[in-house]
Amino acid sequence: MPLTAIADGINANMPAGGFEGSLKFDCGDDGVIVLANGAATTLDQDTDCTIKLSKDNLGKLLTGKLNPMTGVMMGKLKVSGNAAVAMKLGSLLKG
């Protein structure tokens, strides 16, 4: 699934009022998804927090198949910047 489709899915499930703060999912060569200003986009920009992970693990994270804490402990995702912003991600995750 292309990142644009994943971003569209995030936008469809965005809670009223959007996402507080800004966060980037950095999938390396596959690209990025940025949550900022109440929307998800694939346009790269500086954010409060960056989560580095594979596109496959991003899909698992967003569908509830990968627990964020487990992912960090197993090295499947790396968080940099303001971790408090990453903690707010729960409102977007299914499951």
C-alpha atoms as a PDB file:
ATOM      1  CA  MET A   1       0.000   0.000   0.000  1.00  0.00           C
ATOM      2  CA  PRO A   2       1.479   3.372  -0.942  1.00  0.00           C
ATOM      3  CA  LEU A   3       2.079   5.932   1.805  1.00  0.00           C
ATOM      4  CA  THR A   4      -0.461   8.278   0.205  1.00  0.00           C
ATOM      5  CA  ALA A   5      -3.169   5.642   0.788  1.00  0.00           C
ATOM      6  CA  ILE A   6      -2.041   5.206   4.403  1.00  0.00           C
ATOM      7  CA  ALA A   7      -2.154   9.005   4.889  1.00  0.00           C
ATOM      8  CA  ASP A   8      -5.680   9.057   3.411  1.00  0.00           C
ATOM      9  CA  GLY A   9      -6.714   6.367   5.904  1.00  0.00           C
ATOM     10  CA  ILE A  10      -5.256   8.377   8.788  1.00  0.00           C
ATOM     11  CA  ASN A  11      -7.153  11.472   7.609  1.00  0.00           C
ATOM     12  CA  ALA A  12     -10.393   9.473   7.451  1.00  0.00           C
ATOM     13  CA  ASN A  13      -9.936   8.393  11.086  1.00  0.00           C
ATOM     14  CA  MET A  14      -8.601  11.703  12.415  1.00  0.00           C
ATOM     15  CA  PRO A  15     -10.501  12.695  15.556  1.00  0.00           C
ATOM     16  CA  ALA A  16     -12.397  15.994  15.598  1.00  0.00           C
ATOM     17  CA  GLY A  17      -9.897  18.745  16.259  1.00  0.00           C
ATOM     18  CA  GLY A  18      -7.092  16.809  14.593  1.00  0.00           C
ATOM     19  CA  PHE A  19      -3.823  15.705  16.150  1.00  0.00           C
ATOM     20  CA  GLU A  20      -2.189  17.941  18.741  1.00  0.00           C
ATOM     21  CA  GLY A  21       1.433  18.721  17.906  1.00  0.00           C
ATOM     22  CA  SER A  22       3.303  17.451  14.872  1.00  0.00           C
ATOM     23  CA  LEU A  23       4.672  13.975  14.238  1.00  0.00           C
ATOM     24  CA  LYS A  24       6.545  12.336  11.376  1.00  0.00           C
ATOM     25  CA  PHE A  25       6.559   8.654  10.466  1.00  0.00           C
ATOM     26  CA  ASP A  26       9.900   8.255   8.665  1.00  0.00           C
ATOM     27  CA  CYS A  27       9.858   5.106   6.525  1.00  0.00           C
ATOM     28  CA  GLY A  28      13.299   5.736   5.010  1.00  0.00           C
ATOM     29  CA  ASP A  29      13.406   5.244   1.242  1.00  0.00           C
ATOM     30  CA  ASP A  30       9.626   4.623   1.170  1.00  0.00           C
ATOM     31  CA  GLY A  31       8.982   8.219   2.272  1.00  0.00           C
ATOM     32  CA  VAL A  32       7.290   9.958   5.182  1.00  0.00           C
ATOM     33  CA  ILE A  33       3.850  10.632   6.609  1.00  0.00           C
ATOM     34  CA  VAL A  34       3.568  13.865   8.580  1.00  0.00           C
ATOM     35  CA  LEU A  35       0.728  14.596  11.011  1.00  0.00           C
ATOM     36  CA  ALA A  36       0.473  18.367  11.402  1.00  0.00           C
ATOM     37  CA  ASN A  37      -2.187  21.068  11.306  1.00  0.00           C
ATOM     38  CA  GLY A  38      -4.999  18.539  11.683  1.00  0.00           C
ATOM     39  CA  ALA A  39      -4.083  16.411   8.657  1.00  0.00           C
ATOM     40  CA  ALA A  40      -1.790  13.649   7.441  1.00  0.00           C
ATOM     41  CA  THR A  41       0.383  14.340   4.394  1.00  0.00           C
ATOM     42  CA  THR A  42       3.355  12.780   2.611  1.00  0.00           C
ATOM     43  CA  LEU A  43       5.145  16.147   2.351  1.00  0.00           C
ATOM     44  CA  ASP A  44       8.302  16.132   4.482  1.00  0.00           C
ATOM     45  CA  GLN A  45       8.729  18.864   7.086  1.00  0.00           C
ATOM     46  CA  ASP A  46      10.238  19.410  10.519  1.00  0.00           C
ATOM     47  CA  THR A  47       8.073  18.039  13.337  1.00  0.00           C
ATOM     48  CA  ASP A  48       8.003  17.921  17.137  1.00  0.00           C
ATOM     49  CA  CYS A  49       8.591  14.159  17.091  1.00  0.00           C
ATOM     50  CA  THR A  50       9.862  11.613  14.552  1.00  0.00           C
ATOM     51  CA  ILE A  51       9.189   7.881  14.574  1.00  0.00           C
ATOM     52  CA  LYS A  52      11.516   5.886  12.318  1.00  0.00           C
ATOM     53  CA  LEU A  53      10.106   2.549  11.191  1.00  0.00           C
ATOM     54  CA  SER A  54       9.545   0.405   8.123  1.00  0.00           C
ATOM     55  CA  LYS A  55       6.439   0.894   5.985  1.00  0.00           C
ATOM     56  CA  ASP A  56       5.369  -2.638   6.961  1.00  0.00           C
ATOM     57  CA  ASN A  57       5.670  -1.842  10.676  1.00  0.00           C
ATOM     58  CA  LEU A  58       3.794   1.448  10.152  1.00  0.00           C
ATOM     59  CA  GLY A  59       0.864  -0.529   8.772  1.00  0.00           C
ATOM     60  CA  LYS A  60       1.001  -2.892  11.750  1.00  0.00           C
ATOM     61  CA  LEU A  61       1.212   0.025  14.195  1.00  0.00           C
ATOM     62  CA  LEU A  62      -1.805   1.800  12.708  1.00  0.00           C
ATOM     63  CA  THR A  63      -3.955  -1.348  12.653  1.00  0.00           C
ATOM     64  CA  GLY A  64      -3.129  -2.353  16.223  1.00  0.00           C
ATOM     65  CA  LYS A  65      -0.997  -5.354  15.243  1.00  0.00           C
ATOM     66  CA  LEU A  66       2.154  -3.744  16.672  1.00  0.00           C
ATOM     67  CA  ASN A  67       2.090  -2.346  20.197  1.00  0.00           C
ATOM     68  CA  PRO A  68       4.050   0.932  20.266  1.00  0.00           C
ATOM     69  CA  MET A  69       5.947   0.102  23.476  1.00  0.00           C
ATOM     70  CA  THR A  70       6.778  -3.401  22.254  1.00  0.00           C
ATOM     71  CA  GLY A  71       7.925  -1.913  18.939  1.00  0.00           C
ATOM     72  CA  VAL A  72      10.316   0.456  20.702  1.00  0.00           C
ATOM     73  CA  MET A  73      11.694  -2.288  22.975  1.00  0.00           C
ATOM     74  CA  MET A  74      12.210  -4.646  20.023  1.00  0.00           C
ATOM     75  CA  GLY A  75      13.896  -1.904  17.976  1.00  0.00           C
ATOM     76  CA  LYS A  76      11.190  -1.966  15.309  1.00  0.00           C
ATOM     77  CA  LEU A  77      10.599   1.748  15.792  1.00  0.00           C
ATOM     78  CA  LYS A  78      12.765   4.563  17.073  1.00  0.00           C
ATOM     79  CA  VAL A  79      11.339   7.740  18.598  1.00  0.00           C
ATOM     80  CA  SER A  80      13.250  11.028  18.539  1.00  0.00           C
ATOM     81  CA  GLY A  81      12.235  14.508  19.593  1.00  0.00           C
ATOM     82  CA  ASN A  82       9.303  15.172  21.917  1.00  0.00           C
ATOM     83  CA  ALA A  83       8.123  11.731  23.073  1.00  0.00           C
ATOM     84  CA  ALA A  84       5.046  13.309  24.709  1.00  0.00           C
ATOM     85  CA  VAL A  85       3.716  13.979  21.198  1.00  0.00           C
ATOM     86  CA  ALA A  86       4.162  10.285  20.323  1.00  0.00           C
ATOM     87  CA  MET A  87       2.111   9.368  23.403  1.00  0.00           C
ATOM     88  CA  LYS A  88      -0.867  11.234  21.911  1.00  0.00           C
ATOM     89  CA  LEU A  89      -0.787   8.873  18.952  1.00  0.00           C
ATOM     90  CA  GLY A  90      -3.129   6.476  20.761  1.00  0.00           C
ATOM     91  CA  SER A  91      -6.125   8.491  19.590  1.00  0.00           C
ATOM     92  CA  LEU A  92      -5.334   7.473  15.992  1.00  0.00           C
ATOM     93  CA  LEU A  93      -4.565   3.806  16.589  1.00  0.00           C
ATOM     94  CA  LYS A  94      -7.161   1.090  16.143  1.00  0.00           C
ATOM     95  CA  GLY A  95      -7.664  -1.703  18.606  1.00  0.00           C
END
